[in-house]
Amino acid sequence: MDTNIEEAVRLARIAREKGAVFSLMPENVGLLGPGGAMRDQATPEHSHPALSSFRDLCAKTGMWILVGSLAILRDDGRLANRSFLINGTGDLAARYDKIHMFDVDLENGEQYRESDAYAPGTVAQLAETPWGLIGLTICYDVRFPLLYRTLAREGAAMVSVPSAFTCSTGAAHWHVLLRARAIETGCYVLAPAQCGTHYGNRETYGHSLIVDPWGKVLADGGDEPGVVIVDLDMSDVDSARSSIPSLDHDRSFMMPKML
């Protein structure tokens, strides 16, 4: 974990030196390891070394940081996959516990049971930033469009999707899902993602993306660690939503009848 924290801080400092005012980090930025290691190194929020380091960095640089997620030990002994938004003075502006658990059996034999260790969150989260409201989500949440539509209808101009997508699902679905969420909501989608090979030869897809409200990919971080910087024009949110005001066109309907 110490090495991961040091590297995340180093990259965030590079981003700040290049002019970034808001830096986003991927899911499990403190540690991505097997379940036992995650539990052994999980701590309560108030004593987590990664969160402390990132808050200190924000206080020193004035930059906002979205900590993609950390494994946080809850009072009941279970873990939370929790995302944090830190403001430019180092204070916590918001926290969000991942709602949808990644419990899947992939065709290539990979198995994941996130719910074995983690308690799912139950509350969606919006937060104020100097650039507009942001909705917080994590990874597997991206497959549940109602969450994003709800955040957008409540005022989100941006949504964060920090992730550790597998290579097989990432190659097939990552770009499509993120572009779809942007198009459906008229939001900027900000999706920092893990890349590389981890424990047990687990591989994550990478390709951190920034997608504009029209569905255009503005930046793709590729499959190596690094920093990408994009200027966001927040007026594009209103432009996309006025062009296709689908957020205002919901209608109730009945379930289909079986013949």
Protein backbone atom coordinates (compact mmCIF):
# COMPACT_ATOMS: atom_id res chain seq x y z
CA MET A 1 0.00 0.00 0.00
CA ASP A 2 2.79 2.45 0.82
CA THR A 3 4.19 2.15 -2.70
CA ASN A 4 0.76 2.74 -4.22
CA ILE A 5 0.17 5.82 -2.10
CA GLU A 6 3.55 7.27 -3.03
CA GLU A 7 2.94 6.70 -6.73
CA ALA A 8 -0.57 8.17 -6.62
CA VAL A 9 0.73 11.26 -4.85
CA ARG A 10 3.58 11.58 -7.35
CA LEU A 11 1.23 11.43 -10.32
CA ALA A 12 -1.22 13.85 -8.71
CA ARG A 13 1.61 16.32 -8.14
CA ILE A 14 2.57 16.04 -11.81
CA ALA A 15 -1.04 16.77 -12.74
CA ARG A 16 -1.05 19.80 -10.45
CA GLU A 17 2.20 21.09 -11.94
CA LYS A 18 0.59 20.82 -15.38
CA GLY A 19 -2.31 22.97 -14.23
CA ALA A 20 -4.89 20.44 -13.01
CA VAL A 21 -7.31 21.72 -10.36
CA PHE A 22 -9.19 18.43 -9.96
CA SER A 23 -7.45 15.04 -10.00
CA LEU A 24 -9.26 11.69 -10.11
CA MET A 25 -7.79 8.34 -9.03
CA PRO A 26 -9.03 4.80 -9.80
CA GLU A 27 -10.93 2.27 -7.74
CA ASN A 28 -8.79 0.54 -5.08
CA VAL A 29 -6.08 3.16 -5.48
CA GLY A 30 -4.60 2.24 -2.09
CA LEU A 31 -4.40 -1.50 -2.74
CA LEU A 32 -5.77 -4.01 -5.22
CA GLY A 33 -5.07 -7.50 -3.89
CA PRO A 34 -6.69 -10.79 -2.93
CA GLY A 35 -9.49 -10.68 -0.40
CA GLY A 36 -7.30 -11.60 2.56
CA ALA A 37 -4.81 -8.83 1.86
CA MET A 38 -7.56 -6.29 1.37
CA ARG A 39 -9.12 -7.18 4.71
CA ASP A 40 -5.77 -7.34 6.55
CA GLN A 41 -4.81 -3.84 5.42
CA ALA A 42 -8.25 -2.23 5.65
CA THR A 43 -8.67 0.34 8.41
CA PRO A 44 -11.47 2.61 9.60
CA GLU A 45 -11.85 5.78 7.59
CA HIS A 46 -10.33 8.05 10.25
CA SER A 47 -7.02 6.13 10.30
CA HIS A 48 -6.60 5.09 6.66
CA PRO A 49 -3.07 6.07 5.53
CA ALA A 50 -4.06 6.67 1.90
CA LEU A 51 -6.90 9.01 2.79
CA SER A 52 -4.64 10.91 5.18
CA SER A 53 -1.96 11.32 2.51
CA PHE A 54 -4.41 12.52 -0.13
CA ARG A 55 -6.06 14.99 2.25
CA ASP A 56 -2.65 16.38 3.11
CA LEU A 57 -1.82 16.73 -0.59
CA CYS A 58 -5.03 18.67 -1.23
CA ALA A 59 -4.36 20.98 1.72
CA LYS A 60 -0.84 21.73 0.45
CA THR A 61 -1.69 22.19 -3.24
CA GLY A 62 -5.27 23.50 -3.24
CA MET A 63 -6.25 20.76 -5.68
CA TRP A 64 -9.46 18.75 -5.37
CA ILE A 65 -9.06 14.96 -5.48
CA LEU A 66 -11.53 12.17 -6.14
CA VAL A 67 -10.10 9.14 -4.33
CA GLY A 68 -11.56 6.42 -6.55
CA SER A 69 -12.07 4.01 -3.69
CA LEU A 70 -10.43 2.52 -0.62
CA ALA A 71 -11.28 -0.60 1.38
CA ILE A 72 -12.70 0.86 4.60
CA LEU A 73 -13.34 -1.22 7.72
CA ARG A 74 -16.87 -0.58 8.97
CA ASP A 75 -18.04 -0.70 12.57
CA ASP A 76 -19.81 -4.01 11.91
CA GLY A 77 -16.58 -5.68 10.76
CA ARG A 78 -17.46 -5.73 7.06
CA LEU A 79 -15.68 -3.68 4.41
CA ALA A 80 -16.98 -0.80 2.34
CA ASN A 81 -15.68 -0.02 -1.14
CA ARG A 82 -15.75 3.72 -0.52
CA SER A 83 -15.03 6.68 -2.76
CA PHE A 84 -14.03 10.06 -1.31
CA LEU A 85 -14.16 13.59 -2.67
CA ILE A 86 -11.59 15.89 -1.02
CA ASN A 87 -11.75 19.65 -1.48
CA GLY A 88 -8.89 22.11 -1.93
CA THR A 89 -8.42 22.62 1.81
CA GLY A 90 -8.13 18.90 2.53
CA ASP A 91 -11.62 18.47 3.95
CA LEU A 92 -13.95 15.65 2.94
CA ALA A 93 -16.62 17.02 0.64
CA ALA A 94 -18.40 13.68 0.09
CA ARG A 95 -18.13 9.93 0.47
CA TYR A 96 -19.91 7.15 -1.41
CA ASP A 97 -20.13 3.40 -0.79
CA LYS A 98 -20.35 1.30 -3.95
CA ILE A 99 -23.93 0.12 -4.38
CA HIS A 100 -23.65 -2.65 -6.96
CA MET A 101 -21.44 -5.63 -6.10
CA PHE A 102 -19.35 -7.34 -8.78
CA ASP A 103 -20.45 -10.99 -8.37
CA VAL A 104 -19.81 -12.65 -11.73
CA ASP A 105 -18.49 -15.77 -13.46
CA LEU A 106 -16.76 -14.83 -16.72
CA GLU A 107 -16.48 -17.13 -19.72
CA ASN A 108 -12.69 -17.21 -19.38
CA GLY A 109 -13.01 -18.83 -15.95
CA GLU A 110 -12.46 -15.72 -13.84
CA GLN A 111 -14.75 -15.52 -10.80
CA TYR A 112 -15.43 -12.48 -8.64
CA ARG A 113 -17.52 -12.30 -5.46
CA GLU A 114 -17.28 -8.75 -4.18
CA SER A 115 -20.19 -9.29 -1.83
CA ASP A 116 -18.23 -11.93 0.09
CA ALA A 117 -16.14 -9.18 1.67
CA TYR A 118 -17.96 -5.92 1.05
CA ALA A 119 -21.27 -4.55 2.25
CA PRO A 120 -23.11 -2.77 -0.58
CA GLY A 121 -23.96 0.88 -0.20
CA THR A 122 -27.58 2.00 -0.16
CA VAL A 123 -27.43 5.75 -0.87
CA ALA A 124 -26.60 7.63 -4.09
CA GLN A 125 -24.32 10.63 -3.65
CA LEU A 126 -24.10 14.11 -5.14
CA ALA A 127 -21.57 16.76 -4.13
CA GLU A 128 -20.93 20.42 -4.83
CA THR A 129 -17.69 21.39 -6.57
CA PRO A 130 -16.52 24.75 -7.94
CA TRP A 131 -17.40 23.43 -11.42
CA GLY A 132 -20.86 22.04 -10.75
CA LEU A 133 -22.50 19.07 -9.09
CA ILE A 134 -20.77 15.70 -9.39
CA GLY A 135 -22.38 12.31 -8.88
CA LEU A 136 -20.18 9.63 -7.33
CA THR A 137 -20.27 6.04 -8.61
CA ILE A 138 -17.79 3.14 -8.78
CA CYS A 139 -16.95 0.61 -11.52
CA TYR A 140 -19.74 -2.04 -11.74
CA ASP A 141 -22.29 0.70 -11.06
CA VAL A 142 -21.80 1.74 -14.70
CA ARG A 143 -23.99 -1.18 -15.82
CA PHE A 144 -27.02 0.24 -14.00
CA PRO A 145 -28.17 3.29 -15.99
CA LEU A 146 -31.01 4.24 -13.64
CA LEU A 147 -28.42 5.36 -11.06
CA TYR A 148 -26.86 7.79 -13.55
CA ARG A 149 -30.15 9.09 -14.85
CA THR A 150 -31.25 9.73 -11.27
CA LEU A 151 -28.03 11.64 -10.49
CA ALA A 152 -28.43 13.72 -13.66
CA ARG A 153 -32.07 14.52 -12.92
CA GLU A 154 -30.97 15.68 -9.46
CA GLY A 155 -28.54 18.13 -11.05
CA ALA A 156 -25.26 16.30 -11.67
CA ALA A 157 -23.19 17.86 -14.46
CA MET A 158 -20.38 15.31 -13.98
CA VAL A 159 -20.26 11.70 -12.83
CA SER A 160 -17.17 9.87 -11.64
CA VAL A 161 -16.68 6.19 -12.46
CA PRO A 162 -13.36 5.10 -10.88
CA SER A 163 -12.80 1.49 -11.89
CA ALA A 164 -10.71 -1.67 -11.95
CA PHE A 165 -12.34 -3.29 -14.99
CA THR A 166 -11.15 -6.72 -16.07
CA CYS A 167 -9.44 -6.91 -19.46
CA SER A 168 -12.07 -9.19 -20.98
CA THR A 169 -15.05 -7.07 -19.99
CA GLY A 170 -13.17 -3.85 -20.56
CA ALA A 171 -12.26 -4.65 -24.16
CA ALA A 172 -15.89 -5.48 -24.89
CA HIS A 173 -17.83 -2.91 -22.88
CA TRP A 174 -15.77 -0.14 -21.23
CA HIS A 175 -15.90 2.55 -23.91
CA VAL A 176 -19.46 1.71 -24.95
CA LEU A 177 -20.88 1.84 -21.43
CA LEU A 178 -19.19 5.10 -20.49
CA ARG A 179 -20.20 6.81 -23.73
CA ALA A 180 -23.76 5.56 -23.24
CA ARG A 181 -23.94 6.95 -19.70
CA ALA A 182 -22.71 10.33 -20.98
CA ILE A 183 -25.21 10.42 -23.85
CA GLU A 184 -28.15 9.33 -21.69
CA THR A 185 -27.48 11.93 -19.01
CA GLY A 186 -25.79 14.84 -20.78
CA CYS A 187 -23.05 14.65 -18.15
CA TYR A 188 -19.29 14.67 -18.35
CA VAL A 189 -18.16 11.14 -17.42
CA LEU A 190 -14.82 11.01 -15.59
CA ALA A 191 -13.51 7.45 -15.35
CA PRO A 192 -10.01 6.87 -13.93
CA ALA A 193 -9.10 3.19 -14.21
CA GLN A 194 -6.57 0.67 -12.95
CA CYS A 195 -4.26 -0.90 -15.54
CA GLY A 196 -1.67 -3.67 -15.61
CA THR A 197 -1.16 -7.09 -14.03
CA HIS A 198 -1.97 -7.66 -10.36
CA TYR A 199 -2.13 -10.59 -7.94
CA GLY A 200 -2.76 -14.03 -9.41
CA ASN A 201 -2.17 -12.66 -12.91
CA ARG A 202 -5.36 -10.62 -12.68
CA GLU A 203 -5.25 -7.97 -15.40
CA THR A 204 -7.14 -4.70 -15.45
CA TYR A 205 -8.08 -2.91 -18.65
CA GLY A 206 -6.94 0.65 -17.99
CA HIS A 207 -8.00 3.24 -20.58
CA SER A 208 -8.99 5.97 -18.16
CA LEU A 209 -11.58 8.01 -20.06
CA ILE A 210 -13.05 11.46 -20.06
CA VAL A 211 -16.26 11.58 -22.12
CA ASP A 212 -18.12 14.77 -22.93
CA PRO A 213 -21.93 15.19 -22.61
CA TRP A 214 -22.40 14.40 -26.31
CA GLY A 215 -20.60 11.07 -25.93
CA LYS A 216 -17.27 12.10 -27.45
CA VAL A 217 -14.12 10.63 -25.86
CA LEU A 218 -11.93 13.61 -24.98
CA ALA A 219 -9.08 11.58 -23.46
CA ASP A 220 -8.02 7.94 -23.23
CA GLY A 221 -5.24 7.12 -20.78
CA GLY A 222 -4.24 3.92 -22.56
CA ASP A 223 -2.94 0.83 -20.78
CA GLU A 224 0.07 2.29 -18.91
CA PRO A 225 0.13 4.33 -15.69
CA GLY A 226 0.22 8.07 -16.25
CA VAL A 227 -1.59 11.38 -16.28
CA VAL A 228 -4.01 12.85 -18.81
CA ILE A 229 -5.33 16.40 -18.53
CA VAL A 230 -8.40 17.88 -20.20
CA ASP A 231 -10.11 21.26 -19.96
CA LEU A 232 -13.86 20.84 -19.46
CA ASP A 233 -16.29 23.38 -20.89
CA MET A 234 -19.20 23.05 -18.49
CA SER A 235 -21.50 24.94 -20.88
CA ASP A 236 -21.44 21.77 -22.99
CA VAL A 237 -23.73 20.15 -20.41
CA ASP A 238 -26.54 22.65 -21.04
CA SER A 239 -25.90 22.49 -24.77
CA ALA A 240 -26.25 18.70 -24.92
CA ARG A 241 -29.33 18.67 -22.72
CA SER A 242 -31.08 21.43 -24.65
CA SER A 243 -30.36 19.67 -27.95
CA ILE A 244 -31.86 16.39 -26.74
CA PRO A 245 -33.88 17.06 -23.55
CA SER A 246 -34.54 13.40 -22.80
CA LEU A 247 -34.17 13.97 -19.04
CA ASP A 248 -37.47 15.88 -19.24
CA HIS A 249 -39.31 13.29 -21.33
CA ASP A 250 -39.84 10.39 -18.91
CA ARG A 251 -43.28 8.83 -19.08
CA SER A 252 -44.87 6.18 -16.92
CA PHE A 253 -45.84 2.91 -18.58
CA MET A 254 -47.37 -0.42 -17.74
CA MET A 255 -45.51 -3.71 -17.71
CA PRO A 256 -46.12 -5.82 -20.82
CA LYS A 257 -48.93 -8.35 -20.77
CA MET A 258 -48.22 -11.96 -21.69
CA LEU A 259 -50.41 -13.26 -24.51
